[in-house]
C-alpha atoms as a PDB file:
ATOM      1  CA  MET A   1      61.982  26.275 -63.078  1.00  0.00           C
ATOM      2  CA  ALA A   2      62.403  29.935 -63.686  1.00  0.00           C
ATOM      3  CA  SER A   3      59.088  31.090 -62.258  1.00  0.00           C
ATOM      4  CA  TYR A   4      58.545  31.470 -58.522  1.00  0.00           C
ATOM      5  CA  PRO A   5      54.852  31.672 -57.632  1.00  0.00           C
ATOM      6  CA  ALA A   6      53.841  32.055 -53.998  1.00  0.00           C
ATOM      7  CA  GLY A   7      53.766  28.405 -53.003  1.00  0.00           C
ATOM      8  CA  PRO A   8      56.008  25.427 -52.222  1.00  0.00           C
ATOM      9  CA  LEU A   9      56.318  24.451 -55.892  1.00  0.00           C
ATOM     10  CA  GLY A  10      58.037  27.772 -56.547  1.00  0.00           C
ATOM     11  CA  LEU A  11      61.094  26.222 -54.935  1.00  0.00           C
ATOM     12  CA  ALA A  12      60.892  22.697 -56.251  1.00  0.00           C
ATOM     13  CA  ALA A  13      63.320  22.994 -59.216  1.00  0.00           C
ATOM     14  CA  ALA A  14      69.048  26.129 -60.140  1.00  0.00           C
ATOM     15  CA  LEU A  15      85.476  23.776 -58.606  1.00  0.00           C
ATOM     16  CA  LEU A  16      86.985  20.912 -57.119  1.00  0.00           C
ATOM     17  CA  ALA A  17      89.895  19.096 -58.798  1.00  0.00           C
ATOM     18  CA  ALA A  18      89.220  15.706 -60.357  1.00  0.00           C
ATOM     19  CA  THR A  19      90.749  12.534 -58.956  1.00  0.00           C
ATOM     20  CA  ALA A  20      91.645   9.206 -60.539  1.00  0.00           C
ATOM     21  CA  LEU A  21      88.828   7.441 -58.644  1.00  0.00           C
ATOM     22  CA  PRO A  22      85.904   6.277 -60.816  1.00  0.00           C
ATOM     23  CA  ALA A  23      82.536   7.889 -60.230  1.00  0.00           C
ATOM     24  CA  ALA A  24      79.914   5.579 -58.740  1.00  0.00           C
ATOM     25  CA  ALA A  25      76.205   5.470 -59.472  1.00  0.00           C
ATOM     26  CA  HIS A  26      73.620   5.891 -56.703  1.00  0.00           C
ATOM     27  CA  GLY A  27      75.780   8.501 -54.962  1.00  0.00           C
ATOM     28  CA  VAL A  28      78.291   6.052 -53.421  1.00  0.00           C
ATOM     29  CA  ALA A  29      81.324   7.309 -51.481  1.00  0.00           C
ATOM     30  CA  GLY A  30      83.031   4.503 -49.590  1.00  0.00           C
ATOM     31  CA  ALA A  31      80.417   2.743 -47.440  1.00  0.00           C
ATOM     32  CA  ARG A  32      77.992   5.660 -47.838  1.00  0.00           C
ATOM     33  CA  VAL A  33      75.030   5.715 -50.221  1.00  0.00           C
ATOM     34  CA  PHE A  34      73.416   9.147 -50.531  1.00  0.00           C
ATOM     35  CA  VAL A  35      69.727   8.838 -51.343  1.00  0.00           C
ATOM     36  CA  SER A  36      68.259  10.914 -54.170  1.00  0.00           C
ATOM     37  CA  THR A  37      66.611  14.123 -52.977  1.00  0.00           C
ATOM     38  CA  LEU A  38      63.384  15.621 -54.337  1.00  0.00           C
ATOM     39  CA  GLN A  39      63.785  19.373 -53.759  1.00  0.00           C
ATOM     40  CA  PHE A  40      67.219  19.773 -55.380  1.00  0.00           C
ATOM     41  CA  ASP A  41      69.753  17.738 -57.323  1.00  0.00           C
ATOM     42  CA  ASP A  42      71.940  15.179 -55.545  1.00  0.00           C
ATOM     43  CA  PRO A  43      75.741  15.049 -56.110  1.00  0.00           C
ATOM     44  CA  ALA A  44      75.837  11.771 -58.057  1.00  0.00           C
ATOM     45  CA  VAL A  45      76.288  11.335 -61.799  1.00  0.00           C
ATOM     46  CA  ALA A  46      74.252   8.243 -62.623  1.00  0.00           C
ATOM     47  CA  ASP A  47      72.054   6.372 -65.080  1.00  0.00           C
ATOM     48  CA  GLU A  48      68.598   6.852 -63.608  1.00  0.00           C
ATOM     49  CA  ALA A  49      65.060   8.125 -64.090  1.00  0.00           C
ATOM     50  CA  THR A  50      62.159   9.416 -62.027  1.00  0.00           C
ATOM     51  CA  LEU A  51      58.954   7.775 -63.259  1.00  0.00           C
ATOM     52  CA  PRO A  52      57.218   9.827 -61.939  1.00  0.00           C
ATOM     53  CA  THR A  53      57.396  12.563 -59.310  1.00  0.00           C
ATOM     54  CA  ALA A  54      53.864  13.484 -58.185  1.00  0.00           C
ATOM     55  CA  THR A  55      53.269  16.731 -56.275  1.00  0.00           C
ATOM     56  CA  TRP A  56      50.199  18.364 -54.745  1.00  0.00           C
ATOM     57  CA  THR A  57      49.936  21.847 -53.230  1.00  0.00           C
ATOM     58  CA  ARG A  58      47.087  24.200 -52.362  1.00  0.00           C
ATOM     59  CA  GLN A  59      47.286  27.934 -53.001  1.00  0.00           C
ATOM     60  CA  PRO A  60      45.085  30.509 -51.235  1.00  0.00           C
ATOM     61  CA  SER A  61      42.350  32.534 -52.904  1.00  0.00           C
ATOM     62  CA  ALA A  62      43.472  35.467 -55.034  1.00  0.00           C
ATOM     63  CA  GLY A  63      41.534  38.229 -56.794  1.00  0.00           C
ATOM     64  CA  GLY A  64      38.087  36.782 -56.109  1.00  0.00           C
ATOM     65  CA  ALA A  65      38.901  33.265 -57.335  1.00  0.00           C
ATOM     66  CA  GLY A  66      38.714  30.421 -54.866  1.00  0.00           C
ATOM     67  CA  PRO A  67      41.710  28.415 -53.614  1.00  0.00           C
ATOM     68  CA  THR A  68      43.694  26.507 -56.227  1.00  0.00           C
ATOM     69  CA  ASN A  69      44.800  22.895 -55.973  1.00  0.00           C
ATOM     70  CA  GLU A  70      47.897  22.302 -58.074  1.00  0.00           C
ATOM     71  CA  PHE A  71      48.846  18.811 -59.238  1.00  0.00           C
ATOM     72  CA  ASP A  72      52.143  18.128 -60.994  1.00  0.00           C
ATOM     73  CA  ILE A  73      53.453  14.991 -62.654  1.00  0.00           C
ATOM     74  CA  ASN A  74      57.150  15.212 -63.552  1.00  0.00           C
ATOM     75  CA  ALA A  75      59.611  12.827 -65.152  1.00  0.00           C
ATOM     76  CA  SER A  76      63.362  13.030 -65.655  1.00  0.00           C
ATOM     77  CA  PHE A  77      66.021  10.916 -67.324  1.00  0.00           C
ATOM     78  CA  ALA A  78      69.765  11.052 -66.597  1.00  0.00           C
ATOM     79  CA  LYS A  79      72.446   9.282 -68.640  1.00  0.00           C
ATOM     80  CA  ARG A  80      76.199   9.023 -68.151  1.00  0.00           C
ATOM     81  CA  ILE A  81      78.322   9.789 -71.197  1.00  0.00           C
ATOM     82  CA  THR A  82      81.527   8.843 -69.360  1.00  0.00           C
ATOM     83  CA  ASP A  83      82.110   7.543 -65.835  1.00  0.00           C
ATOM     84  CA  ARG A  84      82.081  11.117 -64.550  1.00  0.00           C
ATOM     85  CA  PHE A  85      80.054  13.170 -67.024  1.00  0.00           C
ATOM     86  CA  GLY A  86      76.326  12.956 -67.694  1.00  0.00           C
ATOM     87  CA  VAL A  87      73.315  14.677 -69.221  1.00  0.00           C
ATOM     88  CA  SER A  88      69.723  14.922 -67.983  1.00  0.00           C
ATOM     89  CA  VAL A  89      66.325  15.952 -69.354  1.00  0.00           C
ATOM     90  CA  SER A  90      63.276  16.893 -67.273  1.00  0.00           C
ATOM     91  CA  LEU A  91      59.692  17.678 -68.192  1.00  0.00           C
ATOM     92  CA  GLY A  92      56.313  17.743 -66.511  1.00  0.00           C
ATOM     93  CA  HIS A  93      52.592  18.450 -66.732  1.00  0.00           C
ATOM     94  CA  THR A  94      50.545  20.674 -64.413  1.00  0.00           C
ATOM     95  CA  TRP A  95      46.837  20.740 -63.549  1.00  0.00           C
ATOM     96  CA  LEU A  96      45.350  23.807 -61.798  1.00  0.00           C
ATOM     97  CA  ALA A  97      41.923  23.296 -60.216  1.00  0.00           C
ATOM     98  CA  THR A  98      40.519  26.602 -58.951  1.00  0.00           C
ATOM     99  CA  MET A  99      37.203  26.696 -57.100  1.00  0.00           C
ATOM    100  CA  GLY A 100      34.666  28.602 -59.196  1.00  0.00           C
ATOM    101  CA  ASP A 101      36.822  28.427 -62.328  1.00  0.00           C
ATOM    102  CA  LYS A 102      37.527  25.886 -65.051  1.00  0.00           C
ATOM    103  CA  MET A 103      40.401  23.423 -64.832  1.00  0.00           C
ATOM    104  CA  ARG A 104      43.600  24.591 -66.513  1.00  0.00           C
ATOM    105  CA  ASN A 105      46.416  22.264 -67.511  1.00  0.00           C
ATOM    106  CA  GLY A 106      49.522  22.248 -69.656  1.00  0.00           C
ATOM    107  CA  TRP A 107      53.165  21.341 -70.039  1.00  0.00           C
ATOM    108  CA  GLN A 108      56.009  22.809 -68.024  1.00  0.00           C
ATOM    109  CA  ASN A 109      59.128  24.121 -69.741  1.00  0.00           C
ATOM    110  CA  ILE A 110      61.747  21.547 -70.726  1.00  0.00           C
ATOM    111  CA  ASP A 111      64.936  21.521 -68.654  1.00  0.00           C
ATOM    112  CA  VAL A 112      68.266  20.065 -69.836  1.00  0.00           C
ATOM    113  CA  GLY A 113      71.275  19.641 -67.549  1.00  0.00           C
ATOM    114  CA  LEU A 114      74.945  18.662 -67.664  1.00  0.00           C
ATOM    115  CA  LYS A 115      76.836  17.391 -64.605  1.00  0.00           C
ATOM    116  CA  TYR A 116      80.442  16.404 -63.894  1.00  0.00           C
ATOM    117  CA  GLN A 117      81.559  14.310 -60.890  1.00  0.00           C
ATOM    118  CA  ALA A 118      84.507  16.395 -59.756  1.00  0.00           C
ATOM    119  CA  TYR A 119      85.702  14.667 -56.588  1.00  0.00           C
ATOM    120  CA  VAL A 120      85.122  11.485 -54.571  1.00  0.00           C
ATOM    121  CA  ASN A 121      86.794  10.652 -51.255  1.00  0.00           C
ATOM    122  CA  PRO A 122      85.679   7.161 -50.114  1.00  0.00           C
ATOM    123  CA  GLU A 123      87.565   7.292 -46.803  1.00  0.00           C
ATOM    124  CA  HIS A 124      85.711  10.402 -45.638  1.00  0.00           C
ATOM    125  CA  GLU A 125      82.480   9.617 -47.497  1.00  0.00           C
ATOM    126  CA  PHE A 126      82.561  12.833 -49.493  1.00  0.00           C
ATOM    127  CA  MET A 127      81.687  13.668 -53.086  1.00  0.00           C
ATOM    128  CA  ALA A 128      81.157  16.850 -55.097  1.00  0.00           C
ATOM    129  CA  SER A 129      79.869  17.666 -58.571  1.00  0.00           C
ATOM    130  CA  VAL A 130      79.506  20.734 -60.749  1.00  0.00           C
ATOM    131  CA  GLY A 131      76.636  21.198 -63.158  1.00  0.00           C
ATOM    132  CA  ILE A 132      74.682  23.562 -65.343  1.00  0.00           C
ATOM    133  CA  ASP A 133      70.957  23.516 -66.197  1.00  0.00           C
ATOM    134  CA  ARG A 134      69.067  25.303 -68.925  1.00  0.00           C
ATOM    135  CA  GLU A 135      65.319  25.898 -68.819  1.00  0.00           C
ATOM    136  CA  PHE A 136      64.021  26.527 -72.321  1.00  0.00           C
ATOM    137  CA  ALA A 137      61.337  29.207 -72.317  1.00  0.00           C
ATOM    138  CA  ARG A 138      58.112  28.829 -74.307  1.00  0.00           C
ATOM    139  CA  THR A 139      58.419  25.037 -74.487  1.00  0.00           C
ATOM    140  CA  GLY A 140      55.646  24.879 -71.891  1.00  0.00           C
ATOM    141  CA  THR A 141      52.105  26.256 -71.586  1.00  0.00           C
ATOM    142  CA  ALA A 142      51.752  29.908 -70.603  1.00  0.00           C
ATOM    143  CA  ALA A 143      48.308  29.325 -69.058  1.00  0.00           C
ATOM    144  CA  ILE A 144      49.794  27.270 -66.212  1.00  0.00           C
ATOM    145  CA  GLY A 145      52.666  29.693 -65.566  1.00  0.00           C
ATOM    146  CA  ALA A 146      55.458  28.306 -67.768  1.00  0.00           C
ATOM    147  CA  ASP A 147      58.033  31.078 -67.996  1.00  0.00           C
ATOM    148  CA  SER A 148      58.557  33.044 -71.205  1.00  0.00           C
ATOM    149  CA  VAL A 149      62.191  33.804 -70.323  1.00  0.00           C
ATOM    150  CA  SER A 150      64.918  31.141 -70.499  1.00  0.00           C
ATOM    151  CA  THR A 151      67.312  30.748 -67.579  1.00  0.00           C
ATOM    152  CA  THR A 152      70.703  29.085 -67.061  1.00  0.00           C
ATOM    153  CA  THR A 153      71.747  27.815 -63.629  1.00  0.00           C
ATOM    154  CA  PRO A 154      75.362  26.833 -62.840  1.00  0.00           C
ATOM    155  CA  SER A 155      75.642  25.019 -59.509  1.00  0.00           C
ATOM    156  CA  ILE A 156      77.762  22.863 -57.226  1.00  0.00           C
ATOM    157  CA  SER A 157      76.445  19.800 -55.376  1.00  0.00           C
ATOM    158  CA  PHE A 158      78.044  17.856 -52.526  1.00  0.00           C
ATOM    159  CA  GLY A 159      77.486  14.992 -50.103  1.00  0.00           C
ATOM    160  CA  LYS A 160      79.245  14.215 -46.802  1.00  0.00           C
ATOM    161  CA  GLY A 161      78.707  11.184 -44.596  1.00  0.00           C
ATOM    162  CA  PHE A 162      79.570  11.225 -40.888  1.00  0.00           C
ATOM    163  CA  GLY A 163      80.971   7.696 -40.766  1.00  0.00           C
ATOM    164  CA  ASP A 164      84.276   8.976 -39.360  1.00  0.00           C
ATOM    165  CA  LEU A 165      82.629  10.307 -36.167  1.00  0.00           C
ATOM    166  CA  PRO A 166      83.570   8.491 -32.917  1.00  0.00           C
ATOM    167  CA  ILE A 167      79.947   8.201 -31.690  1.00  0.00           C
ATOM    168  CA  GLY A 168      78.240   5.237 -33.335  1.00  0.00           C
ATOM    169  CA  ALA A 169      74.703   6.607 -33.205  1.00  0.00           C
ATOM    170  CA  PHE A 170      75.780   9.668 -35.239  1.00  0.00           C
ATOM    171  CA  ARG A 171      77.707   7.793 -37.932  1.00  0.00           C
ATOM    172  CA  PRO A 172      74.618   7.004 -40.109  1.00  0.00           C
ATOM    173  CA  LEU A 173      74.044  10.762 -40.534  1.00  0.00           C
ATOM    174  CA  ALA A 174      74.869  12.482 -43.821  1.00  0.00           C
ATOM    175  CA  ILE A 175      74.257  15.846 -45.442  1.00  0.00           C
ATOM    176  CA  THR A 176      73.880  16.752 -49.093  1.00  0.00           C
ATOM    177  CA  GLY A 177      73.454  20.159 -50.667  1.00  0.00           C
ATOM    178  CA  GLN A 178      73.313  22.232 -53.812  1.00  0.00           C
ATOM    179  CA  PHE A 179      74.080  25.922 -54.357  1.00  0.00           C
ATOM    180  CA  GLY A 180      73.829  27.914 -57.549  1.00  0.00           C
ATOM    181  CA  MET A 181      72.626  31.028 -59.315  1.00  0.00           C
ATOM    182  CA  GLU A 182      69.760  31.158 -61.790  1.00  0.00           C
ATOM    183  CA  VAL A 183      70.709  33.612 -64.540  1.00  0.00           C
ATOM    184  CA  SER A 184      67.936  34.997 -66.749  1.00  0.00           C
ATOM    185  CA  GLU A 185      68.428  35.752 -70.432  1.00  0.00           C
ATOM    186  CA  ARG A 186      66.384  38.933 -69.904  1.00  0.00           C
ATOM    187  CA  GLY A 187      66.715  40.645 -66.528  1.00  0.00           C
ATOM    188  CA  TYR A 188      63.758  42.118 -64.701  1.00  0.00           C
ATOM    189  CA  LYS A 189      63.531  45.918 -64.935  1.00  0.00           C
ATOM    190  CA  VAL A 190      60.977  48.574 -64.020  1.00  0.00           C
ATOM    191  CA  ASP A 191      60.661  51.893 -65.853  1.00  0.00           C
ATOM    192  CA  PRO A 192      59.982  55.198 -64.046  1.00  0.00           C
ATOM    193  CA  SER A 193      56.223  54.641 -64.481  1.00  0.00           C
ATOM    194  CA  GLY A 194      56.373  51.317 -62.657  1.00  0.00           C
ATOM    195  CA  ASN A 195      55.908  49.107 -65.739  1.00  0.00           C
ATOM    196  CA  ASP A 196      58.060  45.982 -65.941  1.00  0.00           C
ATOM    197  CA  ASN A 197      59.734  44.602 -69.066  1.00  0.00           C
ATOM    198  CA  GLY A 198      58.472  41.051 -68.654  1.00  0.00           C
ATOM    199  CA  GLY A 199      61.926  39.823 -67.707  1.00  0.00           C
ATOM    200  CA  HIS A 200      62.998  37.625 -64.820  1.00  0.00           C
ATOM    201  CA  GLU A 201      65.382  38.530 -62.013  1.00  0.00           C
ATOM    202  CA  ASN A 202      68.527  36.513 -61.334  1.00  0.00           C
ATOM    203  CA  ARG A 203      68.148  34.382 -58.190  1.00  0.00           C
ATOM    204  CA  TRP A 204      70.351  32.512 -55.775  1.00  0.00           C
ATOM    205  CA  ILE A 205      69.076  28.964 -55.279  1.00  0.00           C
ATOM    206  CA  GLY A 206      70.084  26.246 -52.865  1.00  0.00           C
ATOM    207  CA  GLY A 207      69.129  23.270 -50.775  1.00  0.00           C
ATOM    208  CA  LEU A 208      70.361  21.097 -47.922  1.00  0.00           C
ATOM    209  CA  SER A 209      69.307  17.660 -46.724  1.00  0.00           C
ATOM    210  CA  LEU A 210      70.000  15.794 -43.489  1.00  0.00           C
ATOM    211  CA  GLN A 211      69.756  12.009 -43.892  1.00  0.00           C
ATOM    212  CA  TYR A 212      69.895   9.131 -41.392  1.00  0.00           C
ATOM    213  CA  SER A 213      70.597   5.807 -43.098  1.00  0.00           C
ATOM    214  CA  ILE A 214      69.275   2.818 -41.141  1.00  0.00           C
ATOM    215  CA  GLN A 215      70.988   0.602 -43.704  1.00  0.00           C
ATOM    216  CA  TYR A 216      74.319   2.221 -42.770  1.00  0.00           C
ATOM    217  CA  LEU A 217      73.490   1.754 -39.081  1.00  0.00           C
ATOM    218  CA  GLN A 218      72.930  -1.963 -39.630  1.00  0.00           C
ATOM    219  CA  SER A 219      75.934  -2.610 -41.869  1.00  0.00           C
ATOM    220  CA  GLN A 220      78.579  -0.247 -40.478  1.00  0.00           C
ATOM    221  CA  VAL A 221      77.695   0.400 -36.820  1.00  0.00           C
ATOM    222  CA  LYS A 222      75.648  -2.421 -35.247  1.00  0.00           C
ATOM    223  CA  ASP A 223      73.405  -5.078 -36.749  1.00  0.00           C
ATOM    224  CA  ASP A 224      70.299  -5.236 -34.571  1.00  0.00           C
ATOM    225  CA  GLY A 225      68.567  -7.713 -36.853  1.00  0.00           C
ATOM    226  CA  LEU A 226      65.931  -5.286 -38.071  1.00  0.00           C
ATOM    227  CA  PRO A 227      63.528  -6.561 -40.747  1.00  0.00           C
ATOM    228  CA  GLY A 228      64.590  -5.821 -44.318  1.00  0.00           C
ATOM    229  CA  TRP A 229      61.929  -3.197 -45.038  1.00  0.00           C
ATOM    230  CA  LEU A 230      62.933  -1.190 -41.961  1.00  0.00           C
ATOM    231  CA  ALA A 231      66.665  -1.534 -42.599  1.00  0.00           C
ATOM    232  CA  ASN A 232      66.182  -0.017 -46.060  1.00  0.00           C
ATOM    233  CA  LEU A 233      64.619   3.212 -44.788  1.00  0.00           C
ATOM    234  CA  THR A 234      66.369   6.590 -44.709  1.00  0.00           C
ATOM    235  CA  PRO A 235      64.497   9.332 -42.826  1.00  0.00           C
ATOM    236  CA  LEU A 236      65.472  12.748 -44.145  1.00  0.00           C
ATOM    237  CA  VAL A 237      64.572  16.413 -44.075  1.00  0.00           C
ATOM    238  CA  GLU A 238      65.238  18.800 -46.951  1.00  0.00           C
ATOM    239  CA  ILE A 239      65.441  22.586 -46.880  1.00  0.00           C
ATOM    240  CA  ALA A 240      65.174  24.483 -50.184  1.00  0.00           C
ATOM    241  CA  TRP A 241      65.406  28.233 -50.723  1.00  0.00           C
ATOM    242  CA  SER A 242      65.675  30.903 -53.374  1.00  0.00           C
ATOM    243  CA  SER A 243      66.327  34.626 -53.064  1.00  0.00           C
ATOM    244  CA  PRO A 244      66.687  37.493 -55.552  1.00  0.00           C
ATOM    245  CA  ALA A 245      70.244  38.441 -56.458  1.00  0.00           C
ATOM    246  CA  ARG A 246      69.427  42.119 -56.969  1.00  0.00           C
ATOM    247  CA  ARG A 247      66.683  44.744 -56.963  1.00  0.00           C
ATOM    248  CA  PRO A 248      64.088  45.231 -58.318  1.00  0.00           C
ATOM    249  CA  ASN A 249      62.559  41.786 -58.046  1.00  0.00           C
ATOM    250  CA  THR A 250      59.148  40.162 -58.120  1.00  0.00           C
ATOM    251  CA  VAL A 251      59.396  37.621 -55.272  1.00  0.00           C
ATOM    252  CA  PRO A 252      61.414  37.960 -52.029  1.00  0.00           C
ATOM    253  CA  MET A 253      63.226  35.033 -50.425  1.00  0.00           C
ATOM    254  CA  GLN A 254      61.309  31.747 -50.327  1.00  0.00           C
ATOM    255  CA  LEU A 255      62.015  28.927 -47.875  1.00  0.00           C
ATOM    256  CA  LEU A 256      60.609  25.395 -47.876  1.00  0.00           C
ATOM    257  CA  VAL A 257      61.071  22.528 -45.397  1.00  0.00           C
ATOM    258  CA  ALA A 258      60.352  18.977 -46.586  1.00  0.00           C
ATOM    259  CA  PRO A 259      60.575  16.115 -44.032  1.00  0.00           C
ATOM    260  CA  GLY A 260      60.103  12.605 -45.354  1.00  0.00           C
ATOM    261  CA  VAL A 261      61.447   9.096 -45.746  1.00  0.00           C
ATOM    262  CA  ALA A 262      63.131   7.161 -48.565  1.00  0.00           C
ATOM    263  CA  TYR A 263      62.962   3.407 -49.125  1.00  0.00           C
ATOM    264  CA  SER A 264      65.887   1.916 -51.066  1.00  0.00           C
ATOM    265  CA  GLY A 265      65.204  -1.287 -53.013  1.00  0.00           C
ATOM    266  CA  ASP A 266      67.618  -3.330 -55.085  1.00  0.00           C
ATOM    267  CA  TRP A 267      67.068  -1.211 -58.230  1.00  0.00           C
ATOM    268  CA  TYR A 268      64.749   1.607 -57.157  1.00  0.00           C
ATOM    269  CA  GLN A 269      64.006   4.230 -54.505  1.00  0.00           C
ATOM    270  CA  LEU A 270      60.596   5.289 -53.190  1.00  0.00           C
ATOM    271  CA  THR A 271      60.424   8.659 -51.426  1.00  0.00           C
ATOM    272  CA  ALA A 272      57.579  10.650 -49.866  1.00  0.00           C
ATOM    273  CA  GLU A 273      57.813  14.102 -48.299  1.00  0.00           C
ATOM    274  CA  LEU A 274      55.580  16.709 -46.714  1.00  0.00           C
ATOM    275  CA  LEU A 275      55.988  20.251 -48.095  1.00  0.00           C
ATOM    276  CA  ILE A 276      55.974  22.914 -45.362  1.00  0.00           C
ATOM    277  CA  PRO A 277      56.239  26.607 -46.303  1.00  0.00           C
ATOM    278  CA  ALA A 278      58.675  28.271 -43.883  1.00  0.00           C
ATOM    279  CA  ASN A 279      57.730  31.878 -44.702  1.00  0.00           C
ATOM    280  CA  ARG A 280      54.754  33.770 -46.165  1.00  0.00           C
ATOM    281  CA  ASN A 281      56.484  34.244 -49.521  1.00  0.00           C
ATOM    282  CA  THR A 282      56.412  30.465 -50.002  1.00  0.00           C
ATOM    283  CA  GLY A 283      52.714  30.048 -49.182  1.00  0.00           C
ATOM    284  CA  ARG A 284      50.409  29.198 -46.286  1.00  0.00           C
ATOM    285  CA  ASN A 285      49.333  25.616 -46.991  1.00  0.00           C
ATOM    286  CA  LEU A 286      50.965  22.233 -46.691  1.00  0.00           C
ATOM    287  CA  GLY A 287      51.696  20.092 -49.723  1.00  0.00           C
ATOM    288  CA  ALA A 288      52.998  16.611 -50.469  1.00  0.00           C
ATOM    289  CA  VAL A 289      55.307  14.944 -52.974  1.00  0.00           C
ATOM    290  CA  ALA A 290      56.128  11.304 -53.801  1.00  0.00           C
ATOM    291  CA  GLU A 291      58.662   9.872 -56.242  1.00  0.00           C
ATOM    292  CA  PHE A 292      59.546   6.534 -57.830  1.00  0.00           C
ATOM    293  CA  HIS A 293      63.222   6.500 -58.820  1.00  0.00           C
ATOM    294  CA  VAL A 294      64.815   3.804 -61.022  1.00  0.00           C
ATOM    295  CA  PHE A 295      68.566   3.039 -61.218  1.00  0.00           C
ATOM    296  CA  PHE A 296      69.363   1.682 -64.665  1.00  0.00           C
ATOM    297  CA  ASP A 297      72.792   0.316 -63.751  1.00  0.00           C
ATOM    298  CA  ASP A 298      71.001  -2.306 -61.637  1.00  0.00           C
ATOM    299  CA  VAL A 299      68.338  -3.134 -64.240  1.00  0.00           C
ATOM    300  CA  PHE A 300      70.428  -2.898 -67.451  1.00  0.00           C
ATOM    301  CA  PRO A 301      74.077  -2.990 -66.263  1.00  0.00           C
ATOM    302  CA  LYS A 302      75.589  -3.637 -69.706  1.00  0.00           C
ATOM    303  CA  SER A 303      73.440  -1.314 -71.806  1.00  0.00           C
ATOM    304  CA  LEU A 304      71.309   1.562 -70.558  1.00  0.00           C
ATOM    305  CA  GLY A 305      73.002   1.421 -67.149  1.00  0.00           C
ATOM    306  CA  ALA A 306      76.554   1.750 -68.512  1.00  0.00           C
ATOM    307  CA  PRO A 307      78.275   4.956 -69.678  1.00  0.00           C
ATOM    308  CA  ILE A 308      77.911   5.483 -73.419  1.00  0.00           C
ATOM    309  CA  THR A 309      81.699   5.378 -73.874  1.00  0.00           C
ATOM    310  CA  GLN A 310      81.636   1.743 -72.678  1.00  0.00           C
ATOM    311  CA  TRP A 311      79.148   0.685 -75.343  1.00  0.00           C
ATOM    312  CA  PHE A 312      81.863   0.702 -78.018  1.00  0.00           C
ATOM    313  CA  ARG A 313      84.562  -1.231 -76.178  1.00  0.00           C
END
């Protein structure tokens, strides 16, 4: 999203040569499966959907109004065109409940993305993708903060598993990340009198996750006979940030930490995280987010779960 209010949700939203290896859904590189992250995009190009992502945060009082509880329900759909290239669409609805004021609600701006799986190295459990996202201004509701300025965010995403480490207990670890720049169609400016032009500053955006796959521990390091539900868990912590690319700007650097756990089923992933503001610019209150993620290649392997180019073979 192009807007960055003071709060954890202000962050929740903005190279390498190709090889002959086919891209794999679910973020698979060798024996590694990278789980889908909630605070930034993962490196996989896949046929999948989030149905839904539910988020709650609490903002402090401002200008005489009481604290505001913000509830968001988001959905996204991603579809592969080829083995390596895909498109995605995201939308959501927001409810703002402010003490002493009426409930406000409305749609968020629509976001459309393109992503290309640029590199996969199964031996070293590494993958990288390049992508570009476009948030379309004025497709959402201004009353809930939907931005009136469109933005375009080119980015690079990667994932690296530590399965080649010599210490077994460390081999289930993996990191994923995304880095990019959100470019506004109308930059933020201030005239000599201090009046702004209603634009939006360009911002650097990024995120990192540290994951520990118990499933990888059981299958690739040592099988301790753990029950299935426990073996399918992946504890993780995400860090998301954004910072202005130039002056003047409206919001300084924001930093969010989101520890949580993901459960991987045969055709879905359930994830829950706590949202912890890491500086004052991000907010003062904790939040929470949960997501139900569906992988279509497991549910509809020959239709919705296959690249579109395979439908005509």
